[in-house]
Protein backbone atom coordinates (compact mmCIF):
# COMPACT_ATOMS: atom_id res chain seq x y z
CA MET A 1 -9.03 -0.60 8.60
CA HIS A 2 -9.33 2.16 6.00
CA VAL A 3 -6.17 2.15 3.88
CA PHE A 4 -4.81 4.57 1.30
CA ILE A 5 -2.70 3.12 -1.53
CA PHE A 6 0.17 4.93 -3.22
CA GLN A 7 2.68 4.07 -5.94
CA SER A 8 6.27 5.27 -5.91
CA ARG A 9 7.06 7.53 -8.86
CA VAL A 10 10.76 6.72 -8.51
CA ARG A 11 10.22 2.96 -8.21
CA PRO A 12 6.89 2.10 -9.91
CA ASP A 13 7.25 -1.50 -8.69
CA LEU A 14 6.74 -0.26 -5.11
CA THR A 15 3.30 0.20 -3.58
CA GLY A 16 2.78 1.94 -0.24
CA PHE A 17 -0.14 1.34 2.10
CA THR A 18 -0.97 3.70 4.95
CA THR A 19 -3.85 5.05 7.02
CA TRP A 20 -2.63 8.60 6.39
CA ARG A 21 -4.73 10.22 3.65
CA THR A 22 -1.77 12.30 2.44
CA GLY A 23 0.72 9.41 2.45
CA SER A 24 3.20 11.77 4.10
CA ASN A 25 4.42 9.04 6.44
CA LEU A 26 5.66 6.87 3.54
CA PRO A 27 9.47 6.76 3.15
CA GLU A 28 10.70 9.97 1.51
CA GLU A 29 13.65 8.23 -0.14
CA LEU A 30 11.22 6.09 -2.16
CA GLY A 31 8.97 8.99 -3.16
CA PRO A 32 7.39 11.03 -4.42
CA TRP A 33 4.27 8.93 -3.95
CA ALA A 34 1.21 9.07 -6.22
CA PHE A 35 -2.22 8.34 -4.78
CA MET A 36 -3.77 5.26 -6.42
CA GLY A 37 -6.84 4.43 -4.35
CA GLN A 38 -8.37 3.73 -0.98
CA GLY A 39 -10.69 1.33 0.74
CA ALA A 40 -11.44 -0.92 3.66
CA MET A 41 -8.96 -3.72 4.30
CA HIS A 42 -9.77 -6.60 6.61
CA ALA A 43 -7.63 -9.42 8.00
CA GLY A 44 -7.76 -12.37 5.65
CA ASP A 45 -8.49 -10.28 2.53
CA PRO A 46 -6.35 -11.15 -0.49
CA VAL A 47 -4.17 -8.32 -1.81
CA THR A 48 -2.96 -8.88 -5.36
CA GLY A 49 0.81 -9.14 -5.47
CA VAL A 50 1.33 -9.19 -1.70
CA TYR A 51 2.28 -12.53 -0.15
CA GLY A 52 0.19 -12.93 2.98
CA GLY A 53 -2.43 -10.48 1.72
CA ALA A 54 -4.09 -8.06 4.08
CA ASN A 55 -2.62 -9.79 7.14
CA THR A 56 0.88 -8.78 6.01
CA VAL A 57 -0.15 -5.23 5.07
CA LEU A 58 -2.11 -4.62 8.28
CA ALA A 59 0.70 -6.01 10.45
CA GLY A 60 3.16 -3.63 8.77
CA ILE A 61 0.84 -0.67 9.28
CA GLU A 62 0.35 -1.59 12.94
CA ARG A 63 4.12 -1.95 13.45
CA ASP A 64 5.49 0.96 11.37
CA GLY A 65 2.51 3.13 10.42
CA PHE A 66 2.83 2.07 6.76
CA TYR A 67 3.71 -0.93 4.61
CA VAL A 68 5.69 -0.89 1.35
CA ALA A 69 5.55 -3.87 -0.98
CA ARG A 70 7.28 -4.67 -4.22
CA ALA A 71 4.07 -5.44 -6.02
CA ASP A 72 1.98 -4.10 -8.87
CA VAL A 73 -1.40 -4.21 -7.15
CA HIS A 74 -2.92 -1.98 -9.86
CA ALA A 75 -2.03 -4.00 -12.96
CA ARG A 76 -4.85 -6.52 -12.52
CA ARG A 77 -7.53 -4.07 -11.45
CA THR A 78 -10.52 -4.04 -13.78
CA ALA A 79 -12.61 -1.01 -14.58
């Protein structure tokens, strides 16, 4: 699944995952949301800071259209 990743500007500890390029389906009360990246996510993939990895994220997206995690998935990214 192609996933877009956003970080809450109000709560920087929150990361939102969605298939919507604009992120407009992420919860308004936790926004505004800043785009952080995108990419393919497959079941079984690890996702830094998210217990259960991609399985958890993908299940949330399937259920609600998005998934919000209290995780800093960007802190350990290397350039």
